[in-house]
Amino acid sequence: MIERLPQPQEHPNAASTGAPLRNRVYRNLFIAQFVSNVGTWMQSVAAQWFLVEDHSSDTVIALVQTASLGPTLLLGLFAGVLADLFDRRRLLMFLQTYAVAVALALAVVTYLGKLGPTSLLMFTLAIGFAAALAGPAWQAIQPEVVPREQIPAAATLSSVSVNIARVIGPAIGGVAVALAGPAAVFAINAVSYAAIIVALAGWRRPKQMAPIEREGLGQAIISGLAYVENGPIFRRILLRTTLFVFPASALLALLPVAAAHRWHLGASGYGVALGAMGIGAVIAVVISAPVRDKVPINVLMAACAVAYGCAALAVAWLSFAEALPMLLLSGMAWLITLTELNAAAQLALPQWVRARGLSVYLLVFTGSLALGSYMFGLIATRTGLDHALVWSAALLGAAALSVTVLPFLPLPEGVSLGISTAWPSPAVVFEPCPHDGPVLVTTRYRVPTENLDAFIRAMSAVRRSRLRTGGHSWELYHSPEDPDVVLERFTVLSWTEFQRQLTERWLDYDHEAVEKARSYTVDHASSHSYYIALRVPK
């Protein structure tokens, strides 16, 4: 049976965009993030322009983005596990210190005249490792700093930070490259990472409730993937992210090629082109709230994909001056789309798996961006810039049409992700050892024959709840001796893993699925039994 996904919802009333900034901790982190984003965009301009002046191929230039984002493909899941198992504040401070050291080393090597295309990509890759490991932790601390109702506003502000930095960073970076050279820009980026360290040092993170027992690395990865596999709402968010970001990556990756070889601009002109996209994103912050109130979410997502595709065609076919308004529009489309996706991802994930889930989201996002940058760079090298951008626009058009069959599905309003206490703890005669197991859990229902089909459909949601919170080998059995008896059974790896499922992972949302299934039973009830596997000599 397939769990029926909820229908698209209109946007619920949310806090104003500026509400999180009244929180001192969030405000400090926001400012630090902005400073770091400015430094990142400055470095991106300096790196790509260094390769342009070195007469590198279009593919090598596009690889700057791949080197920045590719580490997420390797470390994404591992990063999420680290952020779920360890103190996120300390983890972020360590990673930012590492990034400062690498960026300073890049500046020194460049100043000494020892930097080449290969070494630049290697340094970019090293900094990308820090970004990959820090991403899930950074995303996961947002719900710790601001209330849940302010998460969409915080996601918007985060996008604003990135996109205002996109306006300022490339412009400053282009001027700095022209006046002082790439080494100075790389040194400024190192200082910008230090801003994050200062902000985190001023945050006194509340003491977190100690888990039953820290999960092993392998088990934590498996449980995170199980949650994603059995979370239809979150999976749909990942799908919509891929459908937009992969083709949209072409414009960002190939814009320096268009600036240099098609429009014959210098570094400052390329900065203006990127700045136009950033200004569009800033404009989107002002108009997005009223637009979202009036336009259905899937119509809005489709319109954004079409607008971004038109911008790609404008870069391929129009002059610089004619393409600027479309670059402005592409920045608006980028911000609106990614703000919706990012906020939906944060709101859909419970605390216990938030960083792991967000690591998968970032894996999909940055992986799509990195792979797309490489693929469209390869197409541009072999068949020309125009062909690559036309393919990008065509795929974005297909993404727009796909909302009719694969709509964007944010978490419905009113769904509770609080931990449920409705699942009774077993009354044990002896206390099992933590690693005893597997644990077999059986639940007995009495279902009238006339309700059996509806009960089975309802149990599809229960199955997903059991599997995404730690269960496996789930089955539903019908007794031939007593047709009213239905038995649900699943196993959990160990007694500790079962305790995690019972006390840390089982949510109100999951219990609601059980209650719906129980509504089809004779007495609206069920009975649980628990068994621990015994080791039998061979």
Protein backbone atom coordinates (compact mmCIF):
# COMPACT_ATOMS: atom_id res chain seq x y z
CA MET A 1 0.00 0.00 0.00
CA ILE A 2 1.13 3.57 -0.70
CA GLU A 3 0.62 6.26 1.90
CA ARG A 4 -1.45 9.04 0.36
CA LEU A 5 0.40 12.34 0.48
CA PRO A 6 -1.38 15.38 1.89
CA GLN A 7 -2.72 17.88 -0.58
CA PRO A 8 -0.86 21.17 -1.14
CA GLN A 9 -1.68 23.76 1.50
CA GLU A 10 -1.93 27.50 1.24
CA HIS A 11 0.76 29.36 3.13
CA PRO A 12 -0.11 29.66 6.83
CA ASN A 13 0.24 32.97 8.61
CA ALA A 14 3.82 33.31 9.72
CA ALA A 15 5.91 35.79 11.61
CA SER A 16 7.13 38.88 9.77
CA THR A 17 10.39 38.50 7.91
CA GLY A 18 12.27 40.68 10.39
CA ALA A 19 10.96 39.00 13.55
CA PRO A 20 14.00 36.72 14.15
CA LEU A 21 16.31 39.75 14.13
CA ARG A 22 14.84 40.86 17.45
CA ASN A 23 16.56 37.81 18.94
CA ARG A 24 20.12 38.86 19.94
CA VAL A 25 21.68 35.45 19.33
CA TYR A 26 20.06 35.06 15.93
CA ARG A 27 20.96 38.64 15.01
CA ASN A 28 24.64 38.06 15.80
CA LEU A 29 24.68 34.81 13.83
CA PHE A 30 22.87 36.49 10.92
CA ILE A 31 25.43 39.30 10.76
CA ALA A 32 28.30 36.83 10.96
CA GLN A 33 26.74 34.69 8.23
CA PHE A 34 26.38 37.78 6.06
CA VAL A 35 30.03 38.75 6.51
CA SER A 36 31.10 35.20 5.70
CA ASN A 37 28.84 35.09 2.63
CA VAL A 38 30.37 38.32 1.34
CA GLY A 39 33.81 36.76 1.71
CA THR A 40 32.69 33.59 -0.04
CA TRP A 41 31.34 35.48 -3.06
CA MET A 42 34.48 37.58 -3.21
CA GLN A 43 36.58 34.42 -3.28
CA SER A 44 34.35 32.85 -5.94
CA VAL A 45 34.80 35.85 -8.22
CA ALA A 46 38.56 35.95 -7.59
CA ALA A 47 38.96 32.20 -8.21
CA GLN A 48 36.92 32.10 -11.40
CA TRP A 49 38.53 35.25 -12.75
CA PHE A 50 41.98 33.87 -11.96
CA LEU A 51 41.15 30.90 -14.20
CA VAL A 52 39.72 33.13 -16.94
CA GLU A 53 42.96 35.15 -17.05
CA ASP A 54 44.92 31.89 -16.99
CA HIS A 55 43.04 30.92 -20.18
CA SER A 56 41.56 27.81 -18.59
CA SER A 57 38.79 25.92 -20.39
CA ASP A 58 35.09 26.46 -19.71
CA THR A 59 35.00 23.09 -17.95
CA VAL A 60 37.82 24.05 -15.55
CA ILE A 61 36.16 27.39 -14.77
CA ALA A 62 32.86 25.65 -14.02
CA LEU A 63 34.77 23.21 -11.77
CA VAL A 64 35.26 26.01 -9.21
CA GLN A 65 31.63 25.51 -8.18
CA THR A 66 32.01 21.75 -8.32
CA ALA A 67 35.10 21.90 -6.08
CA SER A 68 33.23 24.14 -3.63
CA LEU A 69 30.14 21.99 -3.47
CA GLY A 70 31.38 18.52 -4.40
CA PRO A 71 32.56 17.59 -0.87
CA THR A 72 28.92 17.49 0.16
CA LEU A 73 28.55 14.43 -2.06
CA LEU A 74 31.24 12.70 -0.01
CA LEU A 75 30.61 14.07 3.47
CA GLY A 76 26.95 15.10 3.53
CA LEU A 77 25.57 12.19 5.53
CA PHE A 78 28.61 12.05 7.79
CA ALA A 79 28.20 15.77 8.51
CA GLY A 80 24.58 15.28 9.51
CA VAL A 81 25.50 12.48 11.90
CA LEU A 82 28.19 14.63 13.53
CA ALA A 83 25.71 17.49 14.01
CA ASP A 84 23.10 15.17 15.56
CA LEU A 85 25.52 13.33 17.85
CA PHE A 86 27.81 16.14 19.03
CA ASP A 87 27.47 19.72 20.29
CA ARG A 88 26.67 21.74 17.18
CA ARG A 89 28.14 24.98 18.50
CA ARG A 90 31.56 23.48 19.24
CA LEU A 91 31.55 21.58 15.96
CA LEU A 92 30.91 24.77 14.00
CA MET A 93 33.64 26.68 15.83
CA PHE A 94 36.18 23.96 15.06
CA LEU A 95 35.23 23.84 11.37
CA GLN A 96 35.36 27.63 10.98
CA THR A 97 38.84 27.67 12.54
CA TYR A 98 39.94 25.08 9.96
CA ALA A 99 38.45 27.20 7.14
CA VAL A 100 40.37 30.27 8.34
CA ALA A 101 43.63 28.32 8.23
CA VAL A 102 43.03 26.97 4.70
CA ALA A 103 41.93 30.34 3.31
CA LEU A 104 45.02 32.02 4.77
CA ALA A 105 47.23 29.34 3.22
CA LEU A 106 45.58 29.97 -0.16
CA ALA A 107 46.26 33.70 0.17
CA VAL A 108 49.93 33.10 0.98
CA VAL A 109 50.46 30.66 -1.92
CA THR A 110 48.79 33.12 -4.30
CA TYR A 111 50.87 36.05 -3.02
CA LEU A 112 54.06 34.04 -3.58
CA GLY A 113 53.03 33.37 -7.20
CA LYS A 114 52.85 29.61 -6.73
CA LEU A 115 49.12 29.18 -7.46
CA GLY A 116 47.99 27.30 -10.56
CA PRO A 117 44.60 26.00 -11.77
CA THR A 118 45.09 22.61 -10.11
CA SER A 119 46.24 23.99 -6.77
CA LEU A 120 43.43 26.57 -6.80
CA LEU A 121 40.86 23.82 -7.27
CA MET A 122 42.50 21.78 -4.48
CA PHE A 123 42.34 24.71 -2.05
CA THR A 124 38.73 25.34 -3.08
CA LEU A 125 38.03 21.67 -2.43
CA ALA A 126 39.62 21.89 1.03
CA ILE A 127 37.46 24.87 1.97
CA GLY A 128 34.48 22.98 0.51
CA PHE A 129 35.11 20.18 3.01
CA ALA A 130 34.61 22.65 5.87
CA ALA A 131 31.42 23.99 4.29
CA ALA A 132 30.11 20.44 3.74
CA LEU A 133 30.69 19.44 7.36
CA ALA A 134 29.29 22.70 8.75
CA GLY A 135 26.17 22.94 6.58
CA PRO A 136 23.83 20.53 8.44
CA ALA A 137 24.90 21.87 11.85
CA TRP A 138 24.33 25.47 10.74
CA GLN A 139 20.88 24.65 9.38
CA ALA A 140 19.95 22.59 12.44
CA ILE A 141 20.72 25.32 14.98
CA GLN A 142 18.15 27.67 13.44
CA PRO A 143 15.18 25.96 15.20
CA GLU A 144 17.19 26.10 18.45
CA VAL A 145 17.60 29.87 18.19
CA VAL A 146 14.17 31.02 16.93
CA PRO A 147 10.62 29.73 17.59
CA ARG A 148 9.10 27.28 15.13
CA GLU A 149 6.69 29.87 13.70
CA GLN A 150 9.68 32.06 12.78
CA ILE A 151 11.49 29.34 10.79
CA PRO A 152 10.14 30.52 7.39
CA ALA A 153 11.21 34.06 8.26
CA ALA A 154 14.65 32.82 9.33
CA ALA A 155 14.99 30.85 6.08
CA THR A 156 14.08 33.99 4.13
CA LEU A 157 16.63 36.05 6.05
CA SER A 158 19.27 33.42 5.41
CA SER A 159 18.54 33.64 1.69
CA VAL A 160 18.61 37.43 1.96
CA SER A 161 22.05 37.21 3.55
CA VAL A 162 23.32 35.06 0.70
CA ASN A 163 21.80 37.24 -1.99
CA ILE A 164 22.70 40.65 -0.59
CA ALA A 165 26.19 39.20 -0.26
CA ARG A 166 25.84 38.22 -3.91
CA VAL A 167 25.26 41.91 -4.70
CA ILE A 168 28.07 43.23 -2.53
CA GLY A 169 30.57 40.37 -2.65
CA PRO A 170 31.09 40.14 -6.42
CA ALA A 171 31.26 43.93 -6.76
CA ILE A 172 33.83 44.25 -3.96
CA GLY A 173 35.60 41.14 -5.19
CA GLY A 174 35.84 42.42 -8.76
CA VAL A 175 37.23 45.77 -7.62
CA ALA A 176 39.60 44.09 -5.13
CA VAL A 177 40.92 41.72 -7.81
CA ALA A 178 41.52 44.66 -10.13
CA LEU A 179 43.23 46.78 -7.47
CA ALA A 180 45.05 44.30 -5.24
CA GLY A 181 44.92 40.91 -6.95
CA PRO A 182 43.38 37.54 -5.95
CA ALA A 183 45.67 37.04 -2.93
CA ALA A 184 44.12 40.00 -1.12
CA VAL A 185 40.62 38.67 -1.79
CA PHE A 186 41.53 35.23 -0.44
CA ALA A 187 42.92 36.85 2.73
CA ILE A 188 39.70 38.86 3.21
CA ASN A 189 37.73 35.62 2.93
CA ALA A 190 39.80 34.11 5.75
CA VAL A 191 38.90 37.04 7.99
CA SER A 192 35.21 36.64 7.09
CA TYR A 193 35.21 33.06 8.42
CA ALA A 194 36.47 34.38 11.75
CA ALA A 195 33.24 36.40 12.11
CA ILE A 196 31.32 33.13 12.53
CA ILE A 197 33.67 32.04 15.32
CA VAL A 198 33.10 35.31 17.21
CA ALA A 199 29.30 35.03 16.93
CA LEU A 200 29.26 31.39 18.05
CA ALA A 201 31.52 32.20 21.01
CA GLY A 202 28.85 34.63 22.25
CA TRP A 203 26.03 32.04 22.09
CA ARG A 204 25.44 30.16 25.32
CA ARG A 205 23.66 27.14 23.94
CA PRO A 206 21.18 25.67 26.45
CA LYS A 207 22.15 22.32 27.88
CA GLN A 208 20.68 19.57 25.73
CA MET A 209 18.84 16.56 27.14
CA ALA A 210 21.24 13.66 27.17
CA PRO A 211 20.19 10.81 24.85
CA ILE A 212 19.73 7.28 26.15
CA GLU A 213 23.05 6.37 24.59
CA ARG A 214 24.98 7.98 21.75
CA GLU A 215 24.35 6.11 18.51
CA GLY A 216 27.20 4.54 16.63
CA LEU A 217 28.19 6.27 13.41
CA GLY A 218 26.99 3.51 11.12
CA GLN A 219 23.68 3.05 12.92
CA ALA A 220 23.08 6.82 12.94
CA ILE A 221 23.53 6.97 9.17
CA ILE A 222 21.17 4.00 8.68
CA SER A 223 18.47 5.49 10.91
CA GLY A 224 18.76 8.84 9.12
CA LEU A 225 18.38 7.23 5.71
CA ALA A 226 15.46 5.15 6.97
CA TYR A 227 13.70 8.33 8.05
CA VAL A 228 14.19 9.91 4.62
CA GLU A 229 13.10 6.75 2.80
CA ASN A 230 9.85 6.59 4.76
CA GLY A 231 9.09 10.32 4.86
CA PRO A 232 7.00 11.06 1.74
CA ILE A 233 6.71 14.80 2.45
CA PHE A 234 10.46 15.19 2.90
CA ARG A 235 11.19 13.06 -0.18
CA ARG A 236 8.98 15.30 -2.28
CA ILE A 237 10.91 18.35 -1.05
CA LEU A 238 14.13 16.64 -2.19
CA LEU A 239 12.64 15.87 -5.58
CA ARG A 240 11.49 19.46 -6.17
CA THR A 241 14.95 20.66 -5.12
CA THR A 242 16.64 18.45 -7.71
CA LEU A 243 14.24 19.39 -10.50
CA PHE A 244 14.99 23.09 -10.03
CA VAL A 245 18.62 23.28 -8.90
CA PHE A 246 20.21 20.90 -11.44
CA PRO A 247 19.22 22.91 -14.54
CA ALA A 248 19.49 26.25 -12.71
CA SER A 249 23.17 25.54 -11.95
CA ALA A 250 24.09 26.28 -15.57
CA LEU A 251 23.52 30.02 -15.26
CA LEU A 252 25.70 30.42 -12.16
CA ALA A 253 28.45 28.18 -13.50
CA LEU A 254 28.64 29.71 -16.98
CA LEU A 255 27.98 33.37 -16.21
CA PRO A 256 31.74 34.16 -16.00
CA VAL A 257 32.20 32.53 -19.42
CA ALA A 258 29.41 34.66 -20.89
CA ALA A 259 30.82 37.79 -19.23
CA ALA A 260 34.34 37.23 -20.57
CA HIS A 261 33.83 35.62 -23.99
CA ARG A 262 30.37 36.71 -25.10
CA TRP A 263 30.01 40.17 -23.58
CA HIS A 264 33.78 40.89 -23.33
CA LEU A 265 33.51 42.29 -19.79
CA GLY A 266 36.20 42.61 -17.13
CA ALA A 267 36.08 41.36 -13.55
CA SER A 268 33.99 44.36 -12.48
CA GLY A 269 31.45 43.68 -15.25
CA TYR A 270 31.10 40.07 -14.13
CA GLY A 271 30.54 41.37 -10.61
CA VAL A 272 27.74 43.60 -11.93
CA ALA A 273 26.10 40.61 -13.63
CA LEU A 274 26.13 38.61 -10.39
CA GLY A 275 25.05 41.72 -8.53
CA ALA A 276 21.96 42.00 -10.70
CA MET A 277 20.90 38.52 -9.60
CA GLY A 278 21.51 39.49 -5.99
CA ILE A 279 19.42 42.68 -6.32
CA GLY A 280 16.59 40.59 -7.75
CA ALA A 281 16.76 38.35 -4.70
CA VAL A 282 16.57 41.36 -2.40
CA ILE A 283 13.52 42.65 -4.29
CA ALA A 284 11.94 39.21 -3.89
CA VAL A 285 12.14 39.57 -0.12
CA VAL A 286 9.86 42.61 -0.32
CA ILE A 287 7.31 41.18 -2.73
CA SER A 288 7.40 37.47 -1.88
CA ALA A 289 5.04 37.59 1.12
CA PRO A 290 2.09 39.25 -0.68
CA VAL A 291 2.73 37.14 -3.78
CA ARG A 292 2.67 33.91 -1.74
CA ASP A 293 -0.60 34.97 -0.12
CA LYS A 294 -2.27 35.38 -3.51
CA VAL A 295 -0.63 32.74 -5.71
CA PRO A 296 -0.95 28.98 -5.04
CA ILE A 297 2.39 27.53 -4.03
CA ASN A 298 2.76 25.21 -7.03
CA VAL A 299 1.86 27.95 -9.51
CA LEU A 300 4.51 30.09 -7.87
CA MET A 301 7.13 27.33 -8.08
CA ALA A 302 6.35 26.77 -11.76
CA ALA A 303 6.51 30.49 -12.52
CA CYS A 304 9.91 30.74 -10.82
CA ALA A 305 11.30 27.86 -12.90
CA VAL A 306 10.05 29.51 -16.12
CA ALA A 307 11.51 32.89 -15.11
CA TYR A 308 14.89 31.37 -14.36
CA GLY A 309 14.85 29.51 -17.68
CA CYS A 310 14.11 32.76 -19.53
CA ALA A 311 17.15 34.32 -17.85
CA ALA A 312 19.34 31.50 -19.18
CA LEU A 313 18.03 32.15 -22.70
CA ALA A 314 18.64 35.88 -22.28
CA VAL A 315 22.30 35.26 -21.40
CA ALA A 316 22.61 32.98 -24.43
CA TRP A 317 21.00 35.33 -26.97
CA LEU A 318 20.91 38.93 -25.74
CA SER A 319 23.44 41.67 -25.10
CA PHE A 320 24.66 42.43 -21.59
CA ALA A 321 22.36 45.43 -21.16
CA GLU A 322 19.35 43.52 -22.49
CA ALA A 323 20.07 40.49 -20.29
CA LEU A 324 20.40 42.46 -17.03
CA PRO A 325 16.62 42.70 -16.34
CA MET A 326 16.31 38.93 -16.82
CA LEU A 327 19.24 38.33 -14.46
CA LEU A 328 17.34 40.47 -11.95
CA LEU A 329 14.29 38.24 -12.45
CA SER A 330 16.39 35.09 -12.06
CA GLY A 331 17.57 36.31 -8.65
CA MET A 332 13.94 36.73 -7.57
CA ALA A 333 13.05 33.24 -8.80
CA TRP A 334 16.07 31.70 -7.09
CA LEU A 335 15.31 33.24 -3.70
CA ILE A 336 11.60 32.45 -3.69
CA THR A 337 12.12 28.83 -4.74
CA LEU A 338 14.95 28.01 -2.38
CA THR A 339 13.38 29.83 0.58
CA GLU A 340 10.25 27.71 0.19
CA LEU A 341 12.26 24.50 -0.11
CA ASN A 342 14.62 25.27 2.78
CA ALA A 343 11.87 26.33 5.20
CA ALA A 344 9.79 23.28 4.28
CA ALA A 345 12.77 20.98 4.91
CA GLN A 346 13.45 22.47 8.35
CA LEU A 347 9.78 22.35 9.37
CA ALA A 348 9.29 18.77 8.19
CA LEU A 349 12.06 17.26 10.34
CA PRO A 350 11.83 16.35 14.06
CA GLN A 351 14.62 17.22 16.47
CA TRP A 352 16.16 13.74 16.71
CA VAL A 353 16.97 13.50 13.00
CA ARG A 354 17.00 17.17 11.98
CA ALA A 355 20.67 17.51 11.12
CA ARG A 356 20.76 14.17 9.30
CA GLY A 357 17.69 15.08 7.29
CA LEU A 358 19.07 18.51 6.49
CA SER A 359 22.36 16.90 5.48
CA VAL A 360 20.43 14.89 2.89
CA TYR A 361 18.68 18.08 1.77
CA LEU A 362 22.03 19.86 1.45
CA LEU A 363 23.47 16.79 -0.25
CA VAL A 364 20.73 16.91 -2.86
CA PHE A 365 20.95 20.70 -3.22
CA THR A 366 24.71 21.06 -3.46
CA GLY A 367 25.11 17.79 -5.33
CA SER A 368 22.63 18.96 -7.96
CA LEU A 369 24.45 22.30 -8.16
CA ALA A 370 27.90 20.71 -8.39
CA LEU A 371 26.97 18.00 -10.89
CA GLY A 372 24.90 20.42 -12.93
CA SER A 373 27.78 22.91 -13.04
CA TYR A 374 30.09 20.21 -14.35
CA MET A 375 27.62 18.80 -16.89
CA PHE A 376 26.66 22.17 -18.35
CA GLY A 377 30.31 23.26 -18.36
CA LEU A 378 31.11 20.12 -20.35
CA ILE A 379 28.30 20.85 -22.81
CA ALA A 380 29.53 24.44 -23.20
CA THR A 381 33.08 23.24 -23.89
CA ARG A 382 32.02 20.69 -26.50
CA THR A 383 29.06 22.33 -28.25
CA GLY A 384 29.10 25.97 -27.18
CA LEU A 385 27.77 28.24 -24.45
CA ASP A 386 24.44 28.82 -26.21
CA HIS A 387 23.63 25.11 -26.40
CA ALA A 388 24.31 24.60 -22.70
CA LEU A 389 22.05 27.47 -21.66
CA VAL A 390 19.25 26.38 -24.02
CA TRP A 391 19.34 22.89 -22.50
CA SER A 392 19.15 24.48 -19.05
CA ALA A 393 16.08 26.49 -20.05
CA ALA A 394 14.39 23.42 -21.54
CA LEU A 395 14.88 21.40 -18.35
CA LEU A 396 13.56 24.27 -16.23
CA GLY A 397 10.47 24.38 -18.45
CA ALA A 398 9.99 20.65 -17.84
CA ALA A 399 10.38 21.25 -14.09
CA ALA A 400 7.64 23.89 -14.27
CA LEU A 401 5.26 21.48 -16.00
CA SER A 402 6.04 18.69 -13.53
CA VAL A 403 4.20 20.44 -10.67
CA THR A 404 0.98 19.13 -12.18
CA VAL A 405 1.97 15.52 -11.43
CA LEU A 406 4.64 15.96 -8.72
CA PRO A 407 3.48 19.00 -6.73
CA PHE A 408 5.45 20.64 -3.98
CA LEU A 409 4.06 19.42 -0.63
CA PRO A 410 5.10 21.34 2.48
CA LEU A 411 4.16 19.95 5.90
CA PRO A 412 0.44 20.71 6.44
CA GLU A 413 -0.41 23.39 8.96
CA GLY A 414 -1.20 22.07 12.45
CA VAL A 415 0.89 18.89 12.24
CA SER A 416 2.70 18.33 15.56
CA LEU A 417 6.30 17.08 15.62
CA GLY A 418 6.39 16.94 19.42
CA ILE A 419 7.41 13.70 21.11
CA SER A 420 4.38 11.55 21.88
CA THR A 421 3.90 9.84 25.23
CA ALA A 422 0.88 7.86 24.06
CA TRP A 423 2.84 4.68 23.27
CA PRO A 424 2.92 2.86 26.65
CA SER A 425 6.27 1.63 27.95
CA PRO A 426 6.40 -2.14 28.33
CA ALA A 427 6.01 -3.48 31.87
CA VAL A 428 9.10 -5.70 32.00
CA VAL A 429 9.82 -8.35 34.62
CA PHE A 430 13.57 -8.17 33.91
CA GLU A 431 15.54 -5.25 32.46
CA PRO A 432 17.20 -6.24 29.17
CA CYS A 433 20.79 -5.26 28.48
CA PRO A 434 21.18 -2.24 26.17
CA HIS A 435 22.49 -4.27 23.23
CA ASP A 436 20.09 -7.21 23.60
CA GLY A 437 18.10 -7.78 20.47
CA PRO A 438 16.73 -7.69 17.93
CA VAL A 439 13.46 -6.74 19.66
CA LEU A 440 10.25 -8.07 18.15
CA VAL A 441 7.21 -5.82 18.65
CA THR A 442 3.74 -7.18 17.92
CA THR A 443 0.46 -5.28 18.05
CA ARG A 444 -2.90 -7.05 18.00
CA TYR A 445 -6.02 -5.42 16.54
CA ARG A 446 -9.60 -6.65 16.25
CA VAL A 447 -10.99 -5.38 12.94
CA PRO A 448 -14.52 -6.12 11.66
CA THR A 449 -14.52 -7.61 8.18
CA GLU A 450 -16.35 -4.62 6.71
CA ASN A 451 -13.59 -2.27 7.95
CA LEU A 452 -10.63 -4.41 6.88
CA ASP A 453 -9.84 -2.61 3.61
CA ALA A 454 -9.98 0.83 5.22
CA PHE A 455 -7.85 -0.44 8.12
CA ILE A 456 -5.19 -1.76 5.74
CA ARG A 457 -5.04 1.59 3.94
CA ALA A 458 -4.66 3.40 7.27
CA MET A 459 -1.89 1.02 8.32
CA SER A 460 0.23 2.23 5.39
CA ALA A 461 0.92 5.42 7.37
CA VAL A 462 1.60 3.38 10.53
CA ARG A 463 4.10 1.27 8.60
CA ARG A 464 6.00 4.37 7.53
CA SER A 465 6.00 5.68 11.10
CA ARG A 466 7.43 2.43 12.48
CA LEU A 467 10.13 2.26 9.79
CA ARG A 468 11.26 5.88 9.96
CA THR A 469 11.64 5.76 13.75
CA GLY A 470 13.85 2.68 13.93
CA GLY A 471 11.81 -0.38 12.96
CA HIS A 472 12.41 -2.77 10.10
CA SER A 473 10.95 -5.99 8.68
CA TRP A 474 7.44 -4.62 9.14
CA GLU A 475 4.56 -6.98 8.23
CA LEU A 476 0.79 -7.15 8.73
CA TYR A 477 -0.89 -10.54 9.25
CA HIS A 478 -4.52 -11.68 9.09
CA SER A 479 -5.60 -14.65 11.20
CA PRO A 480 -7.40 -17.46 9.28
CA GLU A 481 -8.65 -18.84 12.63
CA ASP A 482 -10.25 -15.60 13.80
CA PRO A 483 -11.00 -13.27 10.84
CA ASP A 484 -11.32 -10.25 13.13
CA VAL A 485 -7.74 -10.54 14.36
CA VAL A 486 -4.96 -8.63 12.57
CA LEU A 487 -1.39 -8.77 13.84
CA GLU A 488 1.22 -6.10 13.15
CA ARG A 489 4.84 -7.07 13.71
CA PHE A 490 8.19 -5.34 13.22
CA THR A 491 11.66 -5.63 14.67
CA VAL A 492 14.09 -3.11 16.15
CA LEU A 493 17.84 -3.66 16.15
CA SER A 494 18.38 -3.60 19.94
CA TRP A 495 16.71 -2.77 23.24
CA THR A 496 18.43 0.63 23.27
CA GLU A 497 17.22 1.33 19.74
CA PHE A 498 13.70 0.40 20.82
CA GLN A 499 13.95 2.79 23.78
CA ARG A 500 15.02 5.54 21.39
CA GLN A 501 12.01 4.80 19.21
CA LEU A 502 9.69 4.86 22.19
CA THR A 503 10.97 7.94 24.04
CA GLU A 504 12.87 10.12 21.55
CA ARG A 505 11.50 9.47 18.07
CA TRP A 506 7.80 8.62 18.30
CA LEU A 507 5.92 11.85 17.52
CA ASP A 508 2.36 13.10 17.90
CA TYR A 509 2.22 12.91 14.11
CA ASP A 510 3.03 9.19 14.25
CA HIS A 511 0.49 8.52 17.00
CA GLU A 512 -2.22 10.21 14.95
CA ALA A 513 -1.62 7.60 12.25
CA VAL A 514 -2.08 4.83 14.83
CA GLU A 515 -5.26 6.43 16.13
CA LYS A 516 -6.71 6.62 12.63
CA ALA A 517 -6.04 2.90 12.13
CA ARG A 518 -7.55 2.11 15.54
CA SER A 519 -10.73 3.93 14.57
CA TYR A 520 -11.54 0.97 12.30
CA THR A 521 -11.16 -1.62 15.09
CA VAL A 522 -13.91 -3.11 17.24
CA ASP A 523 -12.94 -1.34 20.47
CA HIS A 524 -10.65 1.43 19.12
CA ALA A 525 -7.76 -0.23 20.91
CA SER A 526 -4.74 -2.45 20.40
CA SER A 527 -2.45 -4.54 22.59
CA HIS A 528 1.35 -4.69 22.40
CA SER A 529 3.75 -7.54 23.11
CA TYR A 530 7.55 -7.40 23.14
CA TYR A 531 10.10 -10.18 22.61
CA ILE A 532 13.91 -10.20 22.67
CA ALA A 533 15.80 -12.57 20.41
CA LEU A 534 17.64 -15.44 22.09
CA ARG A 535 20.93 -16.80 20.80
CA VAL A 536 20.54 -20.47 19.93
CA PRO A 537 23.72 -22.58 19.62
CA LYS A 538 24.30 -24.04 16.18
